[in-house]
Amino acid sequence: MLPKAPEDDAALLLLRVHALAESLVATWDVAPDVGEVSRARSLALDQLAVWGVDEAASIVVELVVSELVTNAIRHGGAPVSLRLIQERGLIVEVSDGGHTSPHLRRAAMEDEGGRGLFLVAQLTQRWGTRYTSTGKTIRTEVSLGPARLPGTFAREQSEL
């Protein structure tokens, strides 16, 4: 893309990092037992209430926490942790000890499972996976603005 070949192969990466206040981050260890999923949901909802997060975002976070913690316990293994970060939006991170990549799939009508990550992808702004030497972290971003479920905008427009 440059008009001529560069004379060197140096690159400069500039990164500006700011630390978040401890009051904007909440982290919990979760025992690798599916019975702990409800406790993880309760911890997250209690923290959202402290932060004053509205009900619509809380419902989305509850579903995301439930799905991601369940997947971490069933498919990832110990250690499992949950972290919420309140910045411009709300970040939900679930870490586990597995290195298996989660994949989005479309479940057939007769399938009993397989819809979780699809729902997470539909209800959050973005999601992704970060790998470490000890496992992986699934990270999602939930908007704290007016909630819009898929199809809501089209339905509102048709009612006008």
N, C-alpha and C. Protein backbone atom coordinates (compact mmCIF):
# COMPACT_ATOMS: atom_id res chain seq x y z
N MET A 1 0.80 -1.19 0.00
CA MET A 1 0.00 0.00 0.00
C MET A 1 0.86 1.27 0.00
N LEU A 2 2.11 1.14 0.42
CA LEU A 2 3.00 2.29 0.41
C LEU A 2 3.47 2.56 -1.01
N PRO A 3 3.78 3.81 -1.33
CA PRO A 3 4.21 4.13 -2.70
C PRO A 3 5.53 3.44 -3.07
N LYS A 4 6.42 3.19 -2.09
CA LYS A 4 7.65 2.46 -2.35
C LYS A 4 7.95 1.59 -1.13
N ALA A 5 8.80 0.63 -1.30
CA ALA A 5 9.13 -0.28 -0.22
C ALA A 5 9.81 0.47 0.92
N PRO A 6 9.45 0.17 2.18
CA PRO A 6 10.09 0.84 3.30
C PRO A 6 11.56 0.43 3.43
N GLU A 7 12.37 1.32 4.01
CA GLU A 7 13.79 1.06 4.16
C GLU A 7 14.10 0.22 5.39
N ASP A 8 13.17 0.13 6.31
CA ASP A 8 13.39 -0.69 7.50
C ASP A 8 12.13 -1.49 7.80
N ASP A 9 12.21 -2.35 8.79
CA ASP A 9 11.05 -3.16 9.15
C ASP A 9 10.59 -2.85 10.57
N ALA A 10 10.87 -1.68 11.04
CA ALA A 10 10.48 -1.29 12.39
C ALA A 10 9.03 -0.82 12.41
N ALA A 11 8.37 -1.08 13.51
CA ALA A 11 7.00 -0.62 13.71
C ALA A 11 6.89 -0.07 15.12
N LEU A 12 6.04 0.88 15.29
CA LEU A 12 5.81 1.48 16.60
C LEU A 12 4.38 1.19 17.01
N LEU A 13 4.23 0.63 18.19
CA LEU A 13 2.91 0.36 18.75
C LEU A 13 2.76 1.25 19.96
N LEU A 14 1.79 2.10 19.95
CA LEU A 14 1.53 3.02 21.05
C LEU A 14 0.25 2.57 21.73
N LEU A 15 0.33 2.38 23.03
CA LEU A 15 -0.79 1.86 23.79
C LEU A 15 -0.98 2.72 25.02
N ARG A 16 -2.18 3.16 25.25
CA ARG A 16 -2.49 3.95 26.44
C ARG A 16 -3.39 3.10 27.33
N VAL A 17 -2.92 2.83 28.51
CA VAL A 17 -3.64 1.97 29.44
C VAL A 17 -4.00 2.78 30.68
N HIS A 18 -5.21 2.62 31.15
CA HIS A 18 -5.60 3.26 32.40
C HIS A 18 -6.14 2.19 33.34
N ALA A 19 -5.83 2.34 34.59
CA ALA A 19 -6.28 1.38 35.60
C ALA A 19 -7.71 1.72 36.01
N LEU A 20 -8.48 0.68 36.24
CA LEU A 20 -9.85 0.87 36.72
C LEU A 20 -9.86 0.87 38.25
N ALA A 21 -10.75 1.62 38.82
CA ALA A 21 -10.93 1.60 40.27
C ALA A 21 -11.40 0.21 40.70
N GLU A 22 -10.96 -0.21 41.88
CA GLU A 22 -11.37 -1.53 42.38
C GLU A 22 -12.88 -1.67 42.47
N SER A 23 -13.57 -0.57 42.70
CA SER A 23 -15.02 -0.63 42.84
C SER A 23 -15.73 -0.95 41.51
N LEU A 24 -15.00 -0.89 40.39
CA LEU A 24 -15.58 -1.17 39.07
C LEU A 24 -15.31 -2.59 38.58
N VAL A 25 -14.64 -3.39 39.41
CA VAL A 25 -14.30 -4.77 39.03
C VAL A 25 -14.71 -5.70 40.17
N ALA A 26 -15.40 -6.77 39.82
CA ALA A 26 -15.79 -7.78 40.80
C ALA A 26 -15.39 -9.14 40.26
N THR A 27 -14.70 -9.94 41.08
CA THR A 27 -14.19 -11.25 40.65
C THR A 27 -14.54 -12.30 41.69
N TRP A 28 -14.97 -13.46 41.20
CA TRP A 28 -15.28 -14.57 42.09
C TRP A 28 -14.74 -15.87 41.51
N ASP A 29 -14.27 -16.75 42.39
CA ASP A 29 -13.94 -18.12 42.00
C ASP A 29 -15.23 -18.93 42.07
N VAL A 30 -15.39 -19.84 41.13
CA VAL A 30 -16.59 -20.67 41.07
C VAL A 30 -16.15 -22.13 41.14
N ALA A 31 -16.70 -22.87 42.08
CA ALA A 31 -16.38 -24.29 42.19
C ALA A 31 -16.86 -25.00 40.92
N PRO A 32 -16.09 -25.98 40.44
CA PRO A 32 -16.46 -26.68 39.20
C PRO A 32 -17.60 -27.69 39.41
N ASP A 33 -18.75 -27.17 39.80
CA ASP A 33 -19.94 -27.98 40.07
C ASP A 33 -21.13 -27.22 39.50
N VAL A 34 -21.95 -27.89 38.67
CA VAL A 34 -23.07 -27.19 38.03
C VAL A 34 -24.04 -26.58 39.04
N GLY A 35 -24.02 -27.05 40.27
CA GLY A 35 -24.85 -26.46 41.32
C GLY A 35 -24.40 -25.05 41.67
N GLU A 36 -23.20 -24.67 41.28
CA GLU A 36 -22.66 -23.34 41.56
C GLU A 36 -23.12 -22.27 40.57
N VAL A 37 -23.78 -22.69 39.51
CA VAL A 37 -24.22 -21.73 38.49
C VAL A 37 -25.21 -20.73 39.09
N SER A 38 -26.14 -21.20 39.91
CA SER A 38 -27.12 -20.28 40.51
C SER A 38 -26.43 -19.31 41.46
N ARG A 39 -25.40 -19.75 42.18
CA ARG A 39 -24.65 -18.85 43.06
C ARG A 39 -23.93 -17.79 42.23
N ALA A 40 -23.37 -18.17 41.09
CA ALA A 40 -22.68 -17.20 40.22
C ALA A 40 -23.68 -16.15 39.71
N ARG A 41 -24.88 -16.59 39.33
CA ARG A 41 -25.91 -15.64 38.90
C ARG A 41 -26.26 -14.67 40.02
N SER A 42 -26.44 -15.19 41.23
CA SER A 42 -26.80 -14.35 42.37
C SER A 42 -25.70 -13.34 42.69
N LEU A 43 -24.45 -13.78 42.65
CA LEU A 43 -23.33 -12.86 42.90
C LEU A 43 -23.32 -11.74 41.86
N ALA A 44 -23.52 -12.10 40.60
CA ALA A 44 -23.51 -11.10 39.53
C ALA A 44 -24.67 -10.13 39.69
N LEU A 45 -25.86 -10.63 39.97
CA LEU A 45 -27.03 -9.75 40.12
C LEU A 45 -26.88 -8.83 41.33
N ASP A 46 -26.31 -9.34 42.42
CA ASP A 46 -26.08 -8.49 43.60
C ASP A 46 -25.11 -7.36 43.25
N GLN A 47 -24.06 -7.67 42.49
CA GLN A 47 -23.09 -6.64 42.11
C GLN A 47 -23.73 -5.62 41.17
N LEU A 48 -24.55 -6.07 40.24
CA LEU A 48 -25.22 -5.15 39.33
C LEU A 48 -26.14 -4.20 40.09
N ALA A 49 -26.79 -4.70 41.15
CA ALA A 49 -27.64 -3.84 41.98
C ALA A 49 -26.80 -2.78 42.68
N VAL A 50 -25.63 -3.15 43.17
CA VAL A 50 -24.73 -2.18 43.81
C VAL A 50 -24.33 -1.10 42.81
N TRP A 51 -24.07 -1.49 41.58
CA TRP A 51 -23.67 -0.54 40.54
C TRP A 51 -24.85 0.24 39.97
N GLY A 52 -26.06 -0.14 40.30
CA GLY A 52 -27.25 0.57 39.80
C GLY A 52 -27.56 0.26 38.34
N VAL A 53 -27.23 -0.93 37.90
CA VAL A 53 -27.49 -1.34 36.51
C VAL A 53 -28.98 -1.61 36.35
N ASP A 54 -29.54 -1.16 35.23
CA ASP A 54 -30.99 -1.30 35.01
C ASP A 54 -31.39 -2.76 34.81
N GLU A 55 -32.69 -2.98 34.93
CA GLU A 55 -33.23 -4.35 34.89
C GLU A 55 -32.99 -5.04 33.55
N ALA A 56 -33.12 -4.32 32.46
CA ALA A 56 -32.95 -4.93 31.14
C ALA A 56 -31.53 -5.48 30.98
N ALA A 57 -30.52 -4.70 31.35
CA ALA A 57 -29.14 -5.17 31.25
C ALA A 57 -28.90 -6.31 32.23
N SER A 58 -29.51 -6.24 33.41
CA SER A 58 -29.35 -7.29 34.41
C SER A 58 -29.88 -8.63 33.91
N ILE A 59 -30.99 -8.60 33.19
CA ILE A 59 -31.55 -9.84 32.64
C ILE A 59 -30.58 -10.45 31.62
N VAL A 60 -30.01 -9.61 30.78
CA VAL A 60 -29.04 -10.10 29.79
C VAL A 60 -27.82 -10.68 30.50
N VAL A 61 -27.29 -9.97 31.49
CA VAL A 61 -26.12 -10.45 32.23
C VAL A 61 -26.43 -11.76 32.93
N GLU A 62 -27.59 -11.89 33.50
CA GLU A 62 -27.98 -13.13 34.18
C GLU A 62 -27.94 -14.31 33.21
N LEU A 63 -28.47 -14.12 32.03
CA LEU A 63 -28.45 -15.19 31.03
C LEU A 63 -27.01 -15.50 30.59
N VAL A 64 -26.22 -14.47 30.34
CA VAL A 64 -24.84 -14.65 29.89
C VAL A 64 -24.02 -15.38 30.96
N VAL A 65 -24.14 -14.95 32.21
CA VAL A 65 -23.41 -15.60 33.30
C VAL A 65 -23.83 -17.06 33.41
N SER A 66 -25.12 -17.31 33.35
CA SER A 66 -25.62 -18.67 33.46
C SER A 66 -25.04 -19.56 32.36
N GLU A 67 -25.09 -19.09 31.14
CA GLU A 67 -24.61 -19.88 30.01
C GLU A 67 -23.10 -20.09 30.05
N LEU A 68 -22.35 -19.02 30.25
CA LEU A 68 -20.90 -19.13 30.20
C LEU A 68 -20.32 -19.91 31.38
N VAL A 69 -20.88 -19.73 32.57
CA VAL A 69 -20.39 -20.49 33.72
C VAL A 69 -20.74 -21.97 33.55
N THR A 70 -21.94 -22.26 33.07
CA THR A 70 -22.31 -23.66 32.81
C THR A 70 -21.35 -24.30 31.81
N ASN A 71 -21.08 -23.60 30.71
CA ASN A 71 -20.15 -24.14 29.71
C ASN A 71 -18.75 -24.33 30.28
N ALA A 72 -18.30 -23.38 31.09
CA ALA A 72 -16.96 -23.48 31.69
C ALA A 72 -16.86 -24.72 32.58
N ILE A 73 -17.88 -24.96 33.37
CA ILE A 73 -17.87 -26.12 34.26
C ILE A 73 -17.97 -27.42 33.47
N ARG A 74 -18.87 -27.47 32.51
CA ARG A 74 -19.08 -28.72 31.75
C ARG A 74 -17.96 -29.03 30.77
N HIS A 75 -17.44 -28.01 30.09
CA HIS A 75 -16.50 -28.26 29.00
C HIS A 75 -15.08 -27.78 29.26
N GLY A 76 -14.90 -26.87 30.20
CA GLY A 76 -13.58 -26.28 30.41
C GLY A 76 -12.83 -26.86 31.59
N GLY A 77 -13.48 -26.96 32.71
CA GLY A 77 -12.84 -27.50 33.89
C GLY A 77 -12.20 -26.44 34.77
N ALA A 78 -11.76 -26.90 35.94
CA ALA A 78 -11.18 -26.01 36.94
C ALA A 78 -9.84 -25.46 36.49
N PRO A 79 -9.48 -24.29 36.97
CA PRO A 79 -10.25 -23.38 37.82
C PRO A 79 -11.22 -22.54 37.00
N VAL A 80 -12.38 -22.25 37.59
CA VAL A 80 -13.39 -21.43 36.92
C VAL A 80 -13.53 -20.13 37.72
N SER A 81 -13.60 -19.02 37.00
CA SER A 81 -13.81 -17.74 37.67
C SER A 81 -14.75 -16.87 36.84
N LEU A 82 -15.40 -15.95 37.53
CA LEU A 82 -16.33 -15.00 36.92
C LEU A 82 -15.84 -13.60 37.28
N ARG A 83 -15.81 -12.72 36.29
CA ARG A 83 -15.42 -11.34 36.55
C ARG A 83 -16.37 -10.40 35.81
N LEU A 84 -16.81 -9.36 36.51
CA LEU A 84 -17.60 -8.29 35.93
C LEU A 84 -16.79 -7.01 35.99
N ILE A 85 -16.81 -6.26 34.89
CA ILE A 85 -16.09 -5.00 34.82
C ILE A 85 -17.06 -3.95 34.30
N GLN A 86 -17.22 -2.89 35.06
CA GLN A 86 -18.09 -1.80 34.63
C GLN A 86 -17.20 -0.67 34.12
N GLU A 87 -17.31 -0.40 32.84
CA GLU A 87 -16.56 0.70 32.26
C GLU A 87 -17.55 1.49 31.42
N ARG A 88 -17.37 1.56 30.10
CA ARG A 88 -18.35 2.23 29.24
C ARG A 88 -19.62 1.41 29.15
N GLY A 89 -19.46 0.12 29.14
CA GLY A 89 -20.56 -0.83 29.17
C GLY A 89 -20.26 -1.79 30.31
N LEU A 90 -20.71 -2.99 30.19
CA LEU A 90 -20.46 -3.99 31.21
C LEU A 90 -19.77 -5.17 30.54
N ILE A 91 -18.65 -5.57 31.06
CA ILE A 91 -17.91 -6.70 30.53
C ILE A 91 -18.10 -7.87 31.46
N VAL A 92 -18.46 -9.01 30.89
CA VAL A 92 -18.60 -10.25 31.64
C VAL A 92 -17.53 -11.19 31.12
N GLU A 93 -16.67 -11.67 32.03
CA GLU A 93 -15.62 -12.63 31.65
C GLU A 93 -15.77 -13.88 32.49
N VAL A 94 -15.68 -15.03 31.82
CA VAL A 94 -15.68 -16.31 32.51
C VAL A 94 -14.44 -17.06 32.04
N SER A 95 -13.60 -17.44 33.01
CA SER A 95 -12.36 -18.15 32.70
C SER A 95 -12.46 -19.58 33.19
N ASP A 96 -11.80 -20.48 32.47
CA ASP A 96 -11.74 -21.88 32.89
C ASP A 96 -10.39 -22.46 32.50
N GLY A 97 -10.15 -23.69 32.91
CA GLY A 97 -8.87 -24.33 32.68
C GLY A 97 -8.74 -25.05 31.36
N GLY A 98 -9.74 -25.01 30.52
CA GLY A 98 -9.69 -25.71 29.23
C GLY A 98 -9.11 -24.85 28.12
N HIS A 99 -8.65 -25.52 27.08
CA HIS A 99 -8.13 -24.82 25.91
C HIS A 99 -8.98 -25.08 24.67
N THR A 100 -10.10 -25.77 24.85
CA THR A 100 -10.98 -26.07 23.73
C THR A 100 -11.73 -24.81 23.31
N SER A 101 -11.70 -24.52 22.04
CA SER A 101 -12.34 -23.33 21.51
C SER A 101 -13.86 -23.50 21.48
N PRO A 102 -14.61 -22.57 22.07
CA PRO A 102 -16.07 -22.66 21.96
C PRO A 102 -16.49 -22.30 20.54
N HIS A 103 -17.55 -22.90 20.08
CA HIS A 103 -18.01 -22.57 18.74
C HIS A 103 -19.52 -22.35 18.73
N LEU A 104 -19.88 -21.37 17.95
CA LEU A 104 -21.27 -21.00 17.79
C LEU A 104 -21.91 -21.98 16.82
N ARG A 105 -23.06 -22.50 17.17
CA ARG A 105 -23.77 -23.40 16.26
C ARG A 105 -25.26 -23.11 16.29
N ARG A 106 -25.91 -23.55 15.29
CA ARG A 106 -27.37 -23.40 15.24
C ARG A 106 -27.97 -24.77 15.55
N ALA A 107 -28.67 -24.83 16.64
CA ALA A 107 -29.27 -26.09 17.06
C ALA A 107 -30.53 -26.37 16.25
N ALA A 108 -30.76 -27.64 15.97
CA ALA A 108 -31.99 -28.05 15.29
C ALA A 108 -33.14 -28.00 16.30
N MET A 109 -34.35 -27.96 15.82
CA MET A 109 -35.53 -27.87 16.69
C MET A 109 -35.56 -28.99 17.72
N GLU A 110 -35.12 -30.18 17.34
CA GLU A 110 -35.21 -31.32 18.26
C GLU A 110 -34.02 -31.42 19.21
N ASP A 111 -32.99 -30.59 19.03
CA ASP A 111 -31.83 -30.60 19.92
C ASP A 111 -32.19 -30.05 21.29
N GLU A 112 -31.67 -30.70 22.34
CA GLU A 112 -31.94 -30.23 23.70
C GLU A 112 -30.97 -29.14 24.13
N GLY A 113 -29.85 -29.04 23.48
CA GLY A 113 -28.84 -28.04 23.85
C GLY A 113 -28.25 -27.40 22.62
N GLY A 114 -27.21 -26.60 22.83
CA GLY A 114 -26.50 -26.01 21.71
C GLY A 114 -26.93 -24.62 21.33
N ARG A 115 -27.80 -24.00 22.12
CA ARG A 115 -28.29 -22.67 21.78
C ARG A 115 -27.62 -21.56 22.59
N GLY A 116 -26.86 -21.91 23.60
CA GLY A 116 -26.33 -20.95 24.55
C GLY A 116 -25.46 -19.87 23.95
N LEU A 117 -24.42 -20.24 23.23
CA LEU A 117 -23.54 -19.24 22.64
C LEU A 117 -24.25 -18.42 21.57
N PHE A 118 -25.21 -19.03 20.89
CA PHE A 118 -26.00 -18.28 19.92
C PHE A 118 -26.77 -17.16 20.63
N LEU A 119 -27.37 -17.49 21.77
CA LEU A 119 -28.09 -16.47 22.55
C LEU A 119 -27.14 -15.40 23.06
N VAL A 120 -25.98 -15.82 23.56
CA VAL A 120 -24.98 -14.86 24.04
C VAL A 120 -24.60 -13.90 22.91
N ALA A 121 -24.34 -14.44 21.74
CA ALA A 121 -23.95 -13.61 20.59
C ALA A 121 -25.06 -12.64 20.19
N GLN A 122 -26.31 -13.06 20.30
CA GLN A 122 -27.43 -12.21 19.92
C GLN A 122 -27.70 -11.10 20.94
N LEU A 123 -27.44 -11.35 22.20
CA LEU A 123 -27.81 -10.41 23.26
C LEU A 123 -26.68 -9.48 23.69
N THR A 124 -25.46 -9.75 23.25
CA THR A 124 -24.33 -8.91 23.64
C THR A 124 -23.80 -8.14 22.44
N GLN A 125 -23.00 -7.10 22.72
CA GLN A 125 -22.45 -6.30 21.63
C GLN A 125 -21.40 -7.09 20.87
N ARG A 126 -20.58 -7.81 21.61
CA ARG A 126 -19.54 -8.66 21.00
C ARG A 126 -19.09 -9.67 22.02
N TRP A 127 -18.47 -10.73 21.54
CA TRP A 127 -17.91 -11.73 22.44
C TRP A 127 -16.69 -12.35 21.76
N GLY A 128 -15.84 -12.92 22.56
CA GLY A 128 -14.64 -13.53 22.00
C GLY A 128 -13.93 -14.36 23.06
N THR A 129 -12.85 -15.00 22.62
CA THR A 129 -12.07 -15.88 23.47
C THR A 129 -10.64 -15.41 23.52
N ARG A 130 -10.07 -15.41 24.72
CA ARG A 130 -8.67 -15.08 24.93
C ARG A 130 -8.02 -16.30 25.60
N TYR A 131 -6.91 -16.78 25.03
CA TYR A 131 -6.24 -17.96 25.56
C TYR A 131 -5.04 -17.56 26.39
N THR A 132 -4.80 -18.32 27.46
CA THR A 132 -3.63 -18.13 28.31
C THR A 132 -2.93 -19.47 28.47
N SER A 133 -1.81 -19.49 29.17
CA SER A 133 -1.10 -20.75 29.39
C SER A 133 -1.88 -21.68 30.32
N THR A 134 -2.83 -21.13 31.08
CA THR A 134 -3.58 -21.96 32.02
C THR A 134 -5.02 -22.22 31.60
N GLY A 135 -5.44 -21.75 30.44
CA GLY A 135 -6.82 -21.98 30.00
C GLY A 135 -7.29 -20.91 29.04
N LYS A 136 -8.55 -20.51 29.21
CA LYS A 136 -9.12 -19.49 28.31
C LYS A 136 -10.10 -18.62 29.08
N THR A 137 -10.41 -17.48 28.50
CA THR A 137 -11.41 -16.57 29.04
C THR A 137 -12.37 -16.20 27.93
N ILE A 138 -13.65 -16.36 28.19
CA ILE A 138 -14.69 -15.91 27.28
C ILE A 138 -15.12 -14.53 27.77
N ARG A 139 -15.07 -13.56 26.87
CA ARG A 139 -15.36 -12.17 27.24
C ARG A 139 -16.53 -11.67 26.41
N THR A 140 -17.50 -11.06 27.07
CA THR A 140 -18.64 -10.47 26.38
C THR A 140 -18.82 -9.03 26.82
N GLU A 141 -19.43 -8.23 25.97
CA GLU A 141 -19.73 -6.85 26.32
C GLU A 141 -21.24 -6.63 26.22
N VAL A 142 -21.79 -6.13 27.31
CA VAL A 142 -23.23 -5.88 27.39
C VAL A 142 -23.43 -4.37 27.46
N SER A 143 -24.30 -3.86 26.64
CA SER A 143 -24.60 -2.43 26.62
C SER A 143 -25.39 -2.05 27.86
N LEU A 144 -25.03 -0.91 28.44
CA LEU A 144 -25.79 -0.40 29.57
C LEU A 144 -26.79 0.65 29.13
N GLY A 145 -26.86 0.88 27.81
CA GLY A 145 -27.83 1.83 27.27
C GLY A 145 -29.17 1.15 27.09
N PRO A 146 -30.06 1.80 26.34
CA PRO A 146 -31.37 1.19 26.10
C PRO A 146 -31.23 -0.20 25.48
N ALA A 147 -31.87 -1.16 26.08
CA ALA A 147 -31.75 -2.54 25.60
C ALA A 147 -32.57 -2.74 24.34
N ARG A 148 -32.01 -3.47 23.41
CA ARG A 148 -32.73 -3.84 22.19
C ARG A 148 -32.51 -5.32 21.95
N LEU A 149 -33.55 -6.06 22.07
CA LEU A 149 -33.48 -7.47 21.74
C LEU A 149 -33.58 -7.60 20.23
N PRO A 150 -33.03 -8.66 19.65
CA PRO A 150 -33.11 -8.82 18.20
C PRO A 150 -34.55 -8.73 17.72
N GLY A 151 -34.78 -7.92 16.70
CA GLY A 151 -36.11 -7.78 16.13
C GLY A 151 -36.94 -6.67 16.77
N THR A 152 -36.48 -6.12 17.89
CA THR A 152 -37.26 -5.09 18.59
C THR A 152 -37.40 -3.84 17.73
N PHE A 153 -36.32 -3.40 17.10
CA PHE A 153 -36.35 -2.17 16.31
C PHE A 153 -37.34 -2.31 15.15
N ALA A 154 -37.31 -3.43 14.46
CA ALA A 154 -38.23 -3.64 13.33
C ALA A 154 -39.67 -3.64 13.82
N ARG A 155 -39.92 -4.24 14.98
CA ARG A 155 -41.29 -4.29 15.51
C ARG A 155 -41.73 -2.88 15.89
N GLU A 156 -40.84 -2.08 16.51
CA GLU A 156 -41.20 -0.71 16.87
C GLU A 156 -41.51 0.12 15.64
N GLN A 157 -40.73 -0.06 14.57
CA GLN A 157 -40.94 0.71 13.34
C GLN A 157 -42.29 0.35 12.72
N SER A 158 -42.67 -0.92 12.76
CA SER A 158 -43.93 -1.32 12.14
C SER A 158 -45.14 -0.81 12.91
N GLU A 159 -44.93 -0.52 14.22
CA GLU A 159 -46.03 -0.03 15.04
C GLU A 159 -46.24 1.47 14.85
N LEU A 160 -45.28 2.18 14.24
CA LEU A 160 -45.40 3.64 14.07
C LEU A 160 -46.44 4.01 13.05
